[in-house]
Amino acid sequence: MSTDLRTPKPFQTVTSARDAVLAKALRGCLSAVSVIALIGIGAAPIVHAGPLARGTAAYSRGDYVLAARELSPLAQAGNAKALGLLGFLYEHGFGEPKDYDAAADFYARGAVQGDPFAQAMLGLMYDKGHGVPLDFILAYKWLNLAAARTQGRVQENFARFREAVASKMSKDEIAEGQRLALNWTAIGFEPSLRAERGSWQSRHHPE
């Protein structure tokens, strides 16, 4: 299991055009089936399924309105997996109005609890500056944590996202992202928590 929490690997600098193609390809991996796999929820008979399984099943068949209806109460109660998937619905406008700010906040509330899917998606939001400031260091931090908390193909996918971000960073920036990941600890659900925004100083050198 490779976490990359200590020593950075060498990354080749890519052109903006190539980076855009890579980012598009990585986003293209997030089909309905792969999202469910990344979240880590197995299929369950619907008659015995709880709201989380029903919500993910509704998502997988394209019934996004029902998915949002099933997931919203769980997210409000602090279920980290529901927060991650509801963030995905808001990010892409599936069953809810597209809202990057709301998506980032849902991801953040799941990420701080240690949910790898929410962590990875929050990292990608920082990578693109969607709902949060463009911040490769925080993108690397969250993607690194997501890769460290998963295994197999899911870990490989998150590691690919992380490496795509790292290809745009200096060695010092990668080291800072790793330091933030190493020093991170999970916390409980905070309904008022929002994704880190504000100035660079406030995000990286808080008093």
N, C-alpha and C. Protein backbone atom coordinates (compact mmCIF):
# COMPACT_ATOMS: atom_id res chain seq x y z
N MET A 1 0.85 -1.19 0.00
CA MET A 1 0.00 0.00 0.00
C MET A 1 0.88 1.23 0.00
N SER A 2 0.82 2.05 -0.98
CA SER A 2 1.66 3.23 -1.11
C SER A 2 0.88 4.47 -0.74
N THR A 3 1.39 5.22 0.28
CA THR A 3 0.68 6.41 0.74
C THR A 3 1.33 7.69 0.26
N ASP A 4 2.63 7.68 -0.03
CA ASP A 4 3.33 8.89 -0.46
C ASP A 4 3.20 10.00 0.58
N LEU A 5 3.17 9.66 1.85
CA LEU A 5 3.05 10.68 2.89
C LEU A 5 4.41 11.20 3.33
N ARG A 6 5.48 10.61 2.84
CA ARG A 6 6.78 11.06 3.33
C ARG A 6 7.67 11.60 2.22
N THR A 7 8.06 10.75 1.27
CA THR A 7 9.02 11.18 0.27
C THR A 7 8.35 11.39 -1.07
N PRO A 8 8.44 12.62 -1.65
CA PRO A 8 7.80 12.85 -2.95
C PRO A 8 8.54 12.14 -4.06
N LYS A 9 7.78 11.68 -5.03
CA LYS A 9 8.38 11.10 -6.22
C LYS A 9 8.67 12.21 -7.22
N PRO A 10 9.64 12.02 -8.12
CA PRO A 10 9.87 13.05 -9.14
C PRO A 10 8.68 13.12 -10.08
N PHE A 11 8.30 14.33 -10.43
CA PHE A 11 7.18 14.55 -11.34
C PHE A 11 7.65 15.36 -12.52
N GLN A 12 7.19 14.97 -13.67
CA GLN A 12 7.55 15.67 -14.89
C GLN A 12 6.61 16.86 -15.08
N THR A 13 7.19 18.03 -15.37
CA THR A 13 6.37 19.21 -15.63
C THR A 13 5.60 19.01 -16.93
N VAL A 14 4.35 19.38 -16.92
CA VAL A 14 3.52 19.21 -18.11
C VAL A 14 3.07 20.56 -18.59
N THR A 15 2.80 20.66 -19.87
CA THR A 15 2.29 21.90 -20.43
C THR A 15 0.85 22.09 -20.03
N SER A 16 0.36 23.32 -20.13
CA SER A 16 -1.02 23.58 -19.73
C SER A 16 -1.99 22.78 -20.59
N ALA A 17 -1.68 22.63 -21.88
CA ALA A 17 -2.57 21.88 -22.76
C ALA A 17 -2.62 20.41 -22.35
N ARG A 18 -1.46 19.84 -22.09
CA ARG A 18 -1.42 18.44 -21.69
C ARG A 18 -2.11 18.26 -20.34
N ASP A 19 -1.90 19.21 -19.43
CA ASP A 19 -2.53 19.13 -18.13
C ASP A 19 -4.04 19.17 -18.24
N ALA A 20 -4.53 20.00 -19.14
CA ALA A 20 -5.98 20.09 -19.34
C ALA A 20 -6.54 18.77 -19.86
N VAL A 21 -5.81 18.14 -20.77
CA VAL A 21 -6.24 16.84 -21.30
C VAL A 21 -6.25 15.79 -20.19
N LEU A 22 -5.21 15.82 -19.35
CA LEU A 22 -5.13 14.85 -18.26
C LEU A 22 -6.26 15.05 -17.27
N ALA A 23 -6.51 16.31 -16.93
CA ALA A 23 -7.59 16.60 -15.99
C ALA A 23 -8.92 16.12 -16.52
N LYS A 24 -9.15 16.33 -17.83
CA LYS A 24 -10.40 15.88 -18.44
C LYS A 24 -10.51 14.38 -18.39
N ALA A 25 -9.39 13.70 -18.65
CA ALA A 25 -9.40 12.24 -18.62
C ALA A 25 -9.68 11.72 -17.21
N LEU A 26 -9.08 12.36 -16.20
CA LEU A 26 -9.30 11.93 -14.84
C LEU A 26 -10.74 12.14 -14.42
N ARG A 27 -11.30 13.28 -14.78
CA ARG A 27 -12.70 13.53 -14.47
C ARG A 27 -13.61 12.53 -15.19
N GLY A 28 -13.16 12.12 -16.39
CA GLY A 28 -13.95 11.17 -17.15
C GLY A 28 -14.03 9.81 -16.49
N CYS A 29 -13.11 9.53 -15.56
CA CYS A 29 -13.15 8.26 -14.85
C CYS A 29 -14.33 8.19 -13.89
N LEU A 30 -14.89 9.34 -13.53
CA LEU A 30 -15.91 9.37 -12.49
C LEU A 30 -17.29 9.13 -13.06
N SER A 31 -17.50 7.96 -13.63
CA SER A 31 -18.82 7.56 -14.09
C SER A 31 -19.67 7.20 -12.89
N ALA A 32 -20.95 6.95 -13.14
CA ALA A 32 -21.83 6.58 -12.04
C ALA A 32 -21.31 5.35 -11.31
N VAL A 33 -20.86 4.35 -12.06
CA VAL A 33 -20.38 3.12 -11.45
C VAL A 33 -19.12 3.38 -10.65
N SER A 34 -18.16 4.14 -11.22
CA SER A 34 -16.90 4.36 -10.52
C SER A 34 -17.08 5.23 -9.30
N VAL A 35 -18.01 6.18 -9.33
CA VAL A 35 -18.27 7.00 -8.14
C VAL A 35 -18.75 6.12 -7.00
N ILE A 36 -19.68 5.21 -7.28
CA ILE A 36 -20.17 4.31 -6.25
C ILE A 36 -19.02 3.46 -5.71
N ALA A 37 -18.15 3.00 -6.60
CA ALA A 37 -17.01 2.19 -6.16
C ALA A 37 -16.07 3.01 -5.29
N LEU A 38 -15.81 4.26 -5.68
CA LEU A 38 -14.91 5.11 -4.92
C LEU A 38 -15.49 5.42 -3.54
N ILE A 39 -16.80 5.57 -3.45
CA ILE A 39 -17.43 5.83 -2.17
C ILE A 39 -17.32 4.61 -1.27
N GLY A 40 -17.30 3.43 -1.87
CA GLY A 40 -17.12 2.21 -1.10
C GLY A 40 -18.40 1.63 -0.57
N ILE A 41 -19.49 1.80 -1.31
CA ILE A 41 -20.77 1.25 -0.89
C ILE A 41 -21.13 0.11 -1.82
N GLY A 42 -21.26 -1.08 -1.29
CA GLY A 42 -21.63 -2.22 -2.11
C GLY A 42 -23.11 -2.24 -2.41
N ALA A 43 -23.46 -3.03 -3.40
CA ALA A 43 -24.88 -3.17 -3.74
C ALA A 43 -25.60 -3.94 -2.65
N ALA A 44 -26.82 -3.52 -2.36
CA ALA A 44 -27.63 -4.22 -1.36
C ALA A 44 -29.04 -4.34 -1.91
N PRO A 45 -29.75 -5.44 -1.55
CA PRO A 45 -31.14 -5.55 -2.00
C PRO A 45 -31.92 -4.32 -1.54
N ILE A 46 -32.62 -3.67 -2.48
CA ILE A 46 -33.29 -2.42 -2.17
C ILE A 46 -34.30 -2.56 -1.04
N VAL A 47 -34.96 -3.71 -0.96
CA VAL A 47 -35.98 -3.88 0.06
C VAL A 47 -35.38 -3.81 1.46
N HIS A 48 -34.10 -4.20 1.61
CA HIS A 48 -33.45 -4.18 2.91
C HIS A 48 -32.48 -3.01 3.05
N ALA A 49 -32.37 -2.17 2.03
CA ALA A 49 -31.35 -1.13 2.02
C ALA A 49 -31.76 0.05 2.88
N GLY A 50 -30.77 0.68 3.50
CA GLY A 50 -30.99 1.91 4.23
C GLY A 50 -30.96 3.08 3.27
N PRO A 51 -31.17 4.30 3.77
CA PRO A 51 -31.21 5.47 2.90
C PRO A 51 -29.92 5.73 2.15
N LEU A 52 -28.77 5.39 2.76
CA LEU A 52 -27.50 5.60 2.05
C LEU A 52 -27.41 4.69 0.83
N ALA A 53 -27.73 3.41 1.00
CA ALA A 53 -27.71 2.48 -0.12
C ALA A 53 -28.77 2.85 -1.16
N ARG A 54 -29.95 3.26 -0.70
CA ARG A 54 -31.00 3.67 -1.65
C ARG A 54 -30.57 4.91 -2.43
N GLY A 55 -29.93 5.83 -1.74
CA GLY A 55 -29.46 7.04 -2.41
C GLY A 55 -28.40 6.75 -3.46
N THR A 56 -27.45 5.88 -3.13
CA THR A 56 -26.42 5.54 -4.10
C THR A 56 -26.98 4.72 -5.25
N ALA A 57 -27.96 3.85 -4.95
CA ALA A 57 -28.60 3.08 -6.02
C ALA A 57 -29.35 4.01 -6.96
N ALA A 58 -30.04 5.01 -6.39
CA ALA A 58 -30.74 5.98 -7.23
C ALA A 58 -29.76 6.75 -8.10
N TYR A 59 -28.62 7.12 -7.51
CA TYR A 59 -27.60 7.82 -8.30
C TYR A 59 -27.11 6.96 -9.45
N SER A 60 -26.84 5.68 -9.17
CA SER A 60 -26.25 4.81 -10.18
C SER A 60 -27.18 4.59 -11.37
N ARG A 61 -28.50 4.70 -11.15
CA ARG A 61 -29.43 4.53 -12.27
C ARG A 61 -29.88 5.87 -12.85
N GLY A 62 -29.30 6.96 -12.36
CA GLY A 62 -29.57 8.28 -12.94
C GLY A 62 -30.77 9.00 -12.35
N ASP A 63 -31.31 8.50 -11.25
CA ASP A 63 -32.43 9.17 -10.59
C ASP A 63 -31.86 10.11 -9.53
N TYR A 64 -31.32 11.25 -9.99
CA TYR A 64 -30.59 12.15 -9.11
C TYR A 64 -31.49 12.87 -8.11
N VAL A 65 -32.73 13.16 -8.50
CA VAL A 65 -33.65 13.82 -7.58
C VAL A 65 -33.91 12.92 -6.36
N LEU A 66 -34.18 11.63 -6.62
CA LEU A 66 -34.38 10.70 -5.52
C LEU A 66 -33.10 10.53 -4.71
N ALA A 67 -31.96 10.48 -5.39
CA ALA A 67 -30.68 10.35 -4.68
C ALA A 67 -30.50 11.51 -3.70
N ALA A 68 -30.75 12.74 -4.16
CA ALA A 68 -30.60 13.90 -3.29
C ALA A 68 -31.59 13.84 -2.12
N ARG A 69 -32.80 13.36 -2.39
CA ARG A 69 -33.83 13.27 -1.35
C ARG A 69 -33.42 12.27 -0.26
N GLU A 70 -32.85 11.16 -0.68
CA GLU A 70 -32.44 10.15 0.29
C GLU A 70 -31.19 10.58 1.07
N LEU A 71 -30.27 11.26 0.40
CA LEU A 71 -28.99 11.58 1.01
C LEU A 71 -29.02 12.82 1.89
N SER A 72 -29.91 13.77 1.58
CA SER A 72 -29.90 15.05 2.30
C SER A 72 -30.08 14.90 3.81
N PRO A 73 -31.07 14.11 4.29
CA PRO A 73 -31.21 13.97 5.75
C PRO A 73 -29.97 13.36 6.40
N LEU A 74 -29.36 12.38 5.73
CA LEU A 74 -28.15 11.77 6.26
C LEU A 74 -27.02 12.78 6.33
N ALA A 75 -26.88 13.59 5.27
CA ALA A 75 -25.83 14.61 5.26
C ALA A 75 -26.05 15.62 6.37
N GLN A 76 -27.29 16.02 6.58
CA GLN A 76 -27.59 16.97 7.64
C GLN A 76 -27.27 16.40 9.02
N ALA A 77 -27.35 15.08 9.13
CA ALA A 77 -27.02 14.41 10.40
C ALA A 77 -25.53 14.13 10.54
N GLY A 78 -24.75 14.40 9.48
CA GLY A 78 -23.31 14.26 9.56
C GLY A 78 -22.72 13.00 8.98
N ASN A 79 -23.50 12.21 8.23
CA ASN A 79 -22.96 11.00 7.61
C ASN A 79 -21.94 11.39 6.55
N ALA A 80 -20.69 10.98 6.75
CA ALA A 80 -19.60 11.44 5.89
C ALA A 80 -19.75 10.97 4.45
N LYS A 81 -20.20 9.73 4.26
CA LYS A 81 -20.36 9.22 2.90
C LYS A 81 -21.48 9.98 2.18
N ALA A 82 -22.58 10.24 2.89
CA ALA A 82 -23.67 11.00 2.29
C ALA A 82 -23.23 12.41 1.95
N LEU A 83 -22.42 13.02 2.80
CA LEU A 83 -21.90 14.36 2.53
C LEU A 83 -21.07 14.37 1.25
N GLY A 84 -20.23 13.34 1.08
CA GLY A 84 -19.41 13.27 -0.12
C GLY A 84 -20.24 13.15 -1.39
N LEU A 85 -21.21 12.25 -1.37
CA LEU A 85 -22.01 12.04 -2.58
C LEU A 85 -22.93 13.22 -2.84
N LEU A 86 -23.49 13.82 -1.79
CA LEU A 86 -24.33 15.00 -1.99
C LEU A 86 -23.49 16.15 -2.56
N GLY A 87 -22.25 16.27 -2.11
CA GLY A 87 -21.36 17.26 -2.70
C GLY A 87 -21.16 17.03 -4.19
N PHE A 88 -21.04 15.75 -4.57
CA PHE A 88 -20.88 15.41 -5.98
C PHE A 88 -22.11 15.81 -6.79
N LEU A 89 -23.30 15.62 -6.22
CA LEU A 89 -24.52 16.02 -6.90
C LEU A 89 -24.57 17.53 -7.12
N TYR A 90 -24.19 18.28 -6.10
CA TYR A 90 -24.18 19.74 -6.23
C TYR A 90 -23.09 20.21 -7.18
N GLU A 91 -21.94 19.56 -7.14
CA GLU A 91 -20.84 19.98 -8.02
C GLU A 91 -21.23 19.86 -9.49
N HIS A 92 -21.96 18.81 -9.83
CA HIS A 92 -22.27 18.54 -11.23
C HIS A 92 -23.70 18.89 -11.62
N GLY A 93 -24.49 19.39 -10.67
CA GLY A 93 -25.86 19.76 -10.99
C GLY A 93 -26.75 18.57 -11.24
N PHE A 94 -26.50 17.47 -10.51
CA PHE A 94 -27.32 16.26 -10.64
C PHE A 94 -28.40 16.25 -9.57
N GLY A 95 -29.64 16.56 -9.93
CA GLY A 95 -30.73 16.54 -8.96
C GLY A 95 -30.79 17.75 -8.06
N GLU A 96 -29.79 18.58 -8.12
CA GLU A 96 -29.72 19.83 -7.37
C GLU A 96 -29.11 20.88 -8.29
N PRO A 97 -29.39 22.17 -8.05
CA PRO A 97 -28.74 23.21 -8.87
C PRO A 97 -27.22 23.12 -8.72
N LYS A 98 -26.49 23.30 -9.81
CA LYS A 98 -25.03 23.27 -9.73
C LYS A 98 -24.55 24.40 -8.83
N ASP A 99 -23.78 24.07 -7.81
CA ASP A 99 -23.34 25.05 -6.83
C ASP A 99 -21.98 24.61 -6.29
N TYR A 100 -20.91 25.18 -6.84
CA TYR A 100 -19.57 24.78 -6.43
C TYR A 100 -19.30 25.10 -4.95
N ASP A 101 -19.80 26.24 -4.47
CA ASP A 101 -19.57 26.60 -3.08
C ASP A 101 -20.19 25.56 -2.14
N ALA A 102 -21.45 25.22 -2.40
CA ALA A 102 -22.12 24.22 -1.57
C ALA A 102 -21.43 22.87 -1.67
N ALA A 103 -21.02 22.49 -2.89
CA ALA A 103 -20.34 21.21 -3.08
C ALA A 103 -19.06 21.15 -2.25
N ALA A 104 -18.26 22.22 -2.32
CA ALA A 104 -17.00 22.24 -1.56
C ALA A 104 -17.26 22.13 -0.07
N ASP A 105 -18.30 22.79 0.42
CA ASP A 105 -18.61 22.73 1.85
C ASP A 105 -19.07 21.34 2.26
N PHE A 106 -19.90 20.69 1.43
CA PHE A 106 -20.30 19.32 1.73
C PHE A 106 -19.08 18.39 1.76
N TYR A 107 -18.22 18.54 0.75
CA TYR A 107 -17.01 17.73 0.72
C TYR A 107 -16.17 17.96 1.98
N ALA A 108 -16.02 19.23 2.37
CA ALA A 108 -15.19 19.55 3.53
C ALA A 108 -15.72 18.89 4.79
N ARG A 109 -17.05 18.90 4.97
CA ARG A 109 -17.64 18.30 6.17
C ARG A 109 -17.44 16.79 6.21
N GLY A 110 -17.40 16.17 5.04
CA GLY A 110 -17.09 14.74 5.00
C GLY A 110 -15.60 14.48 5.12
N ALA A 111 -14.80 15.36 4.50
CA ALA A 111 -13.35 15.16 4.49
C ALA A 111 -12.74 15.24 5.88
N VAL A 112 -13.19 16.18 6.69
CA VAL A 112 -12.60 16.33 8.02
C VAL A 112 -12.91 15.14 8.91
N GLN A 113 -13.95 14.37 8.56
CA GLN A 113 -14.27 13.17 9.32
C GLN A 113 -13.46 11.96 8.85
N GLY A 114 -12.75 12.13 7.74
CA GLY A 114 -11.89 11.05 7.25
C GLY A 114 -12.44 10.26 6.10
N ASP A 115 -13.51 10.73 5.44
CA ASP A 115 -14.05 9.99 4.30
C ASP A 115 -13.16 10.20 3.08
N PRO A 116 -12.58 9.13 2.51
CA PRO A 116 -11.63 9.31 1.41
C PRO A 116 -12.24 9.92 0.15
N PHE A 117 -13.49 9.55 -0.18
CA PHE A 117 -14.11 10.11 -1.38
C PHE A 117 -14.27 11.62 -1.22
N ALA A 118 -14.79 12.07 -0.08
CA ALA A 118 -14.95 13.50 0.15
C ALA A 118 -13.59 14.21 0.14
N GLN A 119 -12.58 13.56 0.70
CA GLN A 119 -11.25 14.15 0.69
C GLN A 119 -10.72 14.33 -0.73
N ALA A 120 -10.87 13.29 -1.54
CA ALA A 120 -10.38 13.36 -2.91
C ALA A 120 -11.12 14.42 -3.72
N MET A 121 -12.44 14.45 -3.58
CA MET A 121 -13.21 15.43 -4.35
C MET A 121 -12.93 16.85 -3.89
N LEU A 122 -12.70 17.06 -2.59
CA LEU A 122 -12.31 18.38 -2.11
C LEU A 122 -10.95 18.76 -2.69
N GLY A 123 -10.04 17.80 -2.74
CA GLY A 123 -8.74 18.07 -3.35
C GLY A 123 -8.87 18.52 -4.80
N LEU A 124 -9.76 17.87 -5.55
CA LEU A 124 -9.95 18.25 -6.94
C LEU A 124 -10.60 19.62 -7.07
N MET A 125 -11.43 20.00 -6.11
CA MET A 125 -12.00 21.35 -6.12
C MET A 125 -10.90 22.40 -5.96
N TYR A 126 -9.96 22.14 -5.04
CA TYR A 126 -8.83 23.07 -4.88
C TYR A 126 -7.94 23.08 -6.11
N ASP A 127 -7.82 21.95 -6.77
CA ASP A 127 -7.01 21.88 -7.98
C ASP A 127 -7.58 22.75 -9.10
N LYS A 128 -8.90 22.86 -9.17
CA LYS A 128 -9.55 23.63 -10.24
C LYS A 128 -10.02 25.01 -9.79
N GLY A 129 -10.00 25.27 -8.48
CA GLY A 129 -10.51 26.54 -8.00
C GLY A 129 -12.02 26.63 -8.10
N HIS A 130 -12.71 25.53 -7.95
CA HIS A 130 -14.18 25.48 -8.03
C HIS A 130 -14.76 25.60 -6.62
N GLY A 131 -15.36 26.75 -6.29
CA GLY A 131 -15.96 26.95 -4.99
C GLY A 131 -14.97 27.29 -3.89
N VAL A 132 -13.70 27.18 -4.20
CA VAL A 132 -12.61 27.48 -3.27
C VAL A 132 -11.49 28.13 -4.08
N PRO A 133 -10.54 28.79 -3.41
CA PRO A 133 -9.41 29.34 -4.15
C PRO A 133 -8.58 28.24 -4.80
N LEU A 134 -7.96 28.54 -5.92
CA LEU A 134 -7.01 27.62 -6.54
C LEU A 134 -5.84 27.43 -5.58
N ASP A 135 -5.60 26.21 -5.16
CA ASP A 135 -4.58 25.97 -4.13
C ASP A 135 -4.05 24.54 -4.30
N PHE A 136 -2.92 24.41 -4.98
CA PHE A 136 -2.38 23.08 -5.25
C PHE A 136 -1.89 22.39 -3.97
N ILE A 137 -1.45 23.16 -2.99
CA ILE A 137 -0.97 22.55 -1.75
C ILE A 137 -2.11 21.86 -1.01
N LEU A 138 -3.24 22.55 -0.88
CA LEU A 138 -4.39 21.91 -0.23
C LEU A 138 -4.96 20.78 -1.09
N ALA A 139 -4.90 20.95 -2.41
CA ALA A 139 -5.33 19.86 -3.30
C ALA A 139 -4.49 18.62 -3.05
N TYR A 140 -3.18 18.81 -2.98
CA TYR A 140 -2.27 17.69 -2.75
C TYR A 140 -2.54 17.06 -1.38
N LYS A 141 -2.71 17.90 -0.36
CA LYS A 141 -2.97 17.40 1.00
C LYS A 141 -4.16 16.45 1.01
N TRP A 142 -5.28 16.90 0.46
CA TRP A 142 -6.50 16.09 0.54
C TRP A 142 -6.43 14.85 -0.33
N LEU A 143 -5.82 14.96 -1.51
CA LEU A 143 -5.68 13.80 -2.37
C LEU A 143 -4.70 12.78 -1.77
N ASN A 144 -3.67 13.29 -1.10
CA ASN A 144 -2.71 12.39 -0.45
C ASN A 144 -3.39 11.63 0.68
N LEU A 145 -4.20 12.32 1.46
CA LEU A 145 -4.94 11.65 2.53
C LEU A 145 -5.90 10.61 1.97
N ALA A 146 -6.59 10.96 0.89
CA ALA A 146 -7.53 10.01 0.28
C ALA A 146 -6.81 8.76 -0.20
N ALA A 147 -5.65 8.94 -0.83
CA ALA A 147 -4.88 7.78 -1.31
C ALA A 147 -4.38 6.94 -0.15
N ALA A 148 -4.01 7.59 0.95
CA ALA A 148 -3.47 6.86 2.10
C ALA A 148 -4.54 6.04 2.83
N ARG A 149 -5.80 6.40 2.65
CA ARG A 149 -6.88 5.76 3.41
C ARG A 149 -7.65 4.73 2.58
N THR A 150 -7.14 4.41 1.40
CA THR A 150 -7.82 3.46 0.53
C THR A 150 -6.84 2.39 0.05
N GLN A 151 -7.35 1.43 -0.70
CA GLN A 151 -6.53 0.34 -1.21
C GLN A 151 -6.94 0.01 -2.63
N GLY A 152 -6.11 -0.76 -3.31
CA GLY A 152 -6.45 -1.30 -4.62
C GLY A 152 -6.67 -0.23 -5.68
N ARG A 153 -7.66 -0.49 -6.53
CA ARG A 153 -7.91 0.40 -7.66
C ARG A 153 -8.34 1.79 -7.21
N VAL A 154 -9.07 1.87 -6.12
CA VAL A 154 -9.50 3.18 -5.62
C VAL A 154 -8.27 4.00 -5.23
N GLN A 155 -7.34 3.37 -4.53
CA GLN A 155 -6.11 4.06 -4.15
C GLN A 155 -5.34 4.50 -5.39
N GLU A 156 -5.28 3.63 -6.39
CA GLU A 156 -4.57 3.98 -7.63
C GLU A 156 -5.18 5.21 -8.29
N ASN A 157 -6.51 5.27 -8.31
CA ASN A 157 -7.18 6.43 -8.91
C ASN A 157 -6.87 7.71 -8.15
N PHE A 158 -6.95 7.65 -6.83
CA PHE A 158 -6.67 8.85 -6.04
C PHE A 158 -5.20 9.25 -6.16
N ALA A 159 -4.32 8.27 -6.24
CA ALA A 159 -2.90 8.58 -6.41
C ALA A 159 -2.65 9.24 -7.77
N ARG A 160 -3.37 8.81 -8.79
CA ARG A 160 -3.22 9.45 -10.11
C ARG A 160 -3.68 10.90 -10.05
N PHE A 161 -4.77 11.16 -9.36
CA PHE A 161 -5.23 12.54 -9.20
C PHE A 161 -4.15 13.36 -8.49
N ARG A 162 -3.60 12.79 -7.42
CA ARG A 162 -2.56 13.48 -6.64
C ARG A 162 -1.33 13.78 -7.50
N GLU A 163 -0.91 12.80 -8.29
CA GLU A 163 0.28 12.99 -9.11
C GLU A 163 0.05 14.03 -10.19
N ALA A 164 -1.19 14.11 -10.70
CA ALA A 164 -1.50 15.14 -11.69
C ALA A 164 -1.38 16.53 -11.07
N VAL A 165 -1.81 16.66 -9.83
CA VAL A 165 -1.66 17.95 -9.12
C VAL A 165 -0.18 18.23 -8.85
N ALA A 166 0.54 17.21 -8.39
CA ALA A 166 1.95 17.39 -8.04
C ALA A 166 2.80 17.81 -9.23
N SER A 167 2.38 17.44 -10.44
CA SER A 167 3.14 17.81 -11.63
C SER A 167 3.15 19.32 -11.86
N LYS A 168 2.27 20.04 -11.18
CA LYS A 168 2.20 21.49 -11.30
C LYS A 168 2.84 22.20 -10.12
N MET A 169 3.45 21.45 -9.22
CA MET A 169 3.97 22.01 -7.97
C MET A 169 5.49 21.97 -7.92
N SER A 170 6.05 22.86 -7.13
CA SER A 170 7.49 22.81 -6.84
C SER A 170 7.74 21.76 -5.76
N LYS A 171 9.02 21.41 -5.57
CA LYS A 171 9.37 20.44 -4.52
C LYS A 171 8.98 20.96 -3.15
N ASP A 172 9.16 22.26 -2.93
CA ASP A 172 8.80 22.84 -1.63
C ASP A 172 7.29 22.77 -1.41
N GLU A 173 6.52 23.00 -2.45
CA GLU A 173 5.07 22.93 -2.32
C GLU A 173 4.62 21.50 -2.03
N ILE A 174 5.23 20.52 -2.70
CA ILE A 174 4.90 19.12 -2.43
C ILE A 174 5.23 18.78 -0.98
N ALA A 175 6.40 19.23 -0.51
CA ALA A 175 6.79 18.97 0.88
C ALA A 175 5.78 19.58 1.85
N GLU A 176 5.28 20.77 1.54
CA GLU A 176 4.29 21.41 2.41
C GLU A 176 2.97 20.63 2.39
N GLY A 177 2.56 20.17 1.21
CA GLY A 177 1.35 19.36 1.13
C GLY A 177 1.48 18.08 1.93
N GLN A 178 2.66 17.47 1.88
CA GLN A 178 2.89 16.25 2.66
C GLN A 178 2.89 16.54 4.16
N ARG A 179 3.47 17.68 4.54
CA ARG A 179 3.49 18.05 5.96
C ARG A 179 2.07 18.23 6.49
N LEU A 180 1.23 18.91 5.70
CA LEU A 180 -0.15 19.11 6.12
C LEU A 180 -0.89 17.77 6.26
N ALA A 181 -0.62 16.84 5.34
CA ALA A 181 -1.26 15.53 5.42
C ALA A 181 -0.79 14.76 6.65
N LEU A 182 0.50 14.81 6.92
CA LEU A 182 1.04 14.09 8.07
C LEU A 182 0.50 14.62 9.39
N ASN A 183 0.26 15.91 9.45
CA ASN A 183 -0.19 16.55 10.69
C ASN A 183 -1.71 16.56 10.85
N TRP A 184 -2.41 16.05 9.85
CA TRP A 184 -3.87 16.10 9.87
C TRP A 184 -4.44 15.04 10.80
N THR A 185 -5.49 15.39 11.52
CA THR A 185 -6.24 14.42 12.32
C THR A 185 -7.73 14.63 12.07
N ALA A 186 -8.47 13.55 12.07
CA ALA A 186 -9.91 13.63 11.84
C ALA A 186 -10.61 14.30 13.01
N ILE A 187 -11.72 14.96 12.71
CA ILE A 187 -12.56 15.57 13.74
C ILE A 187 -14.00 15.14 13.51
N GLY A 188 -14.85 15.43 14.46
CA GLY A 188 -16.25 15.07 14.33
C GLY A 188 -17.00 16.01 13.40
N PHE A 189 -18.26 15.67 13.16
CA PHE A 189 -19.09 16.46 12.26
C PHE A 189 -19.33 17.85 12.82
N GLU A 190 -19.14 18.85 11.97
CA GLU A 190 -19.42 20.24 12.32
C GLU A 190 -20.36 20.80 11.26
N PRO A 191 -21.65 20.94 11.58
CA PRO A 191 -22.61 21.38 10.56
C PRO A 191 -22.34 22.76 9.97
N SER A 192 -21.62 23.60 10.73
CA SER A 192 -21.33 24.94 10.22
C SER A 192 -19.97 25.04 9.53
N LEU A 193 -19.23 23.93 9.49
CA LEU A 193 -17.90 23.96 8.88
C LEU A 193 -17.99 24.24 7.40
N ARG A 194 -17.05 25.04 6.90
CA ARG A 194 -16.98 25.34 5.47
C ARG A 194 -15.56 25.08 4.97
N ALA A 195 -15.43 24.88 3.67
CA ALA A 195 -14.12 24.67 3.08
C ALA A 195 -13.25 25.90 3.30
N GLU A 196 -11.94 25.66 3.40
CA GLU A 196 -11.01 26.77 3.62
C GLU A 196 -11.00 27.71 2.41
N ARG A 197 -11.25 28.98 2.67
CA ARG A 197 -11.20 30.00 1.62
C ARG A 197 -10.34 31.15 2.14
N GLY A 198 -10.68 32.36 1.84
CA GLY A 198 -9.92 33.48 2.35
C GLY A 198 -8.58 33.64 1.67
N SER A 199 -7.71 34.38 2.32
CA SER A 199 -6.40 34.71 1.74
C SER A 199 -5.44 33.53 1.85
N TRP A 200 -4.37 33.57 1.06
CA TRP A 200 -3.32 32.56 1.16
C TRP A 200 -2.75 32.51 2.57
N GLN A 201 -2.55 33.68 3.17
CA GLN A 201 -1.99 33.76 4.52
C GLN A 201 -2.89 33.02 5.51
N SER A 202 -4.19 33.24 5.40
CA SER A 202 -5.11 32.60 6.35
C SER A 202 -5.19 31.10 6.15
N ARG A 203 -4.97 30.63 4.92
CA ARG A 203 -5.04 29.19 4.66
C ARG A 203 -3.77 28.45 5.05
N HIS A 204 -2.64 29.13 4.95
CA HIS A 204 -1.37 28.42 5.16
C HIS A 204 -0.55 28.90 6.34
N HIS A 205 -0.87 30.06 6.87
CA HIS A 205 -0.14 30.57 8.03
C HIS A 205 -1.10 31.19 9.02
N PRO A 206 -2.09 30.40 9.48
CA PRO A 206 -3.04 30.97 10.45
C PRO A 206 -2.35 31.31 11.75
N GLU A 207 -2.83 32.36 12.39
CA GLU A 207 -2.24 32.78 13.66
C GLU A 207 -2.74 31.89 14.80
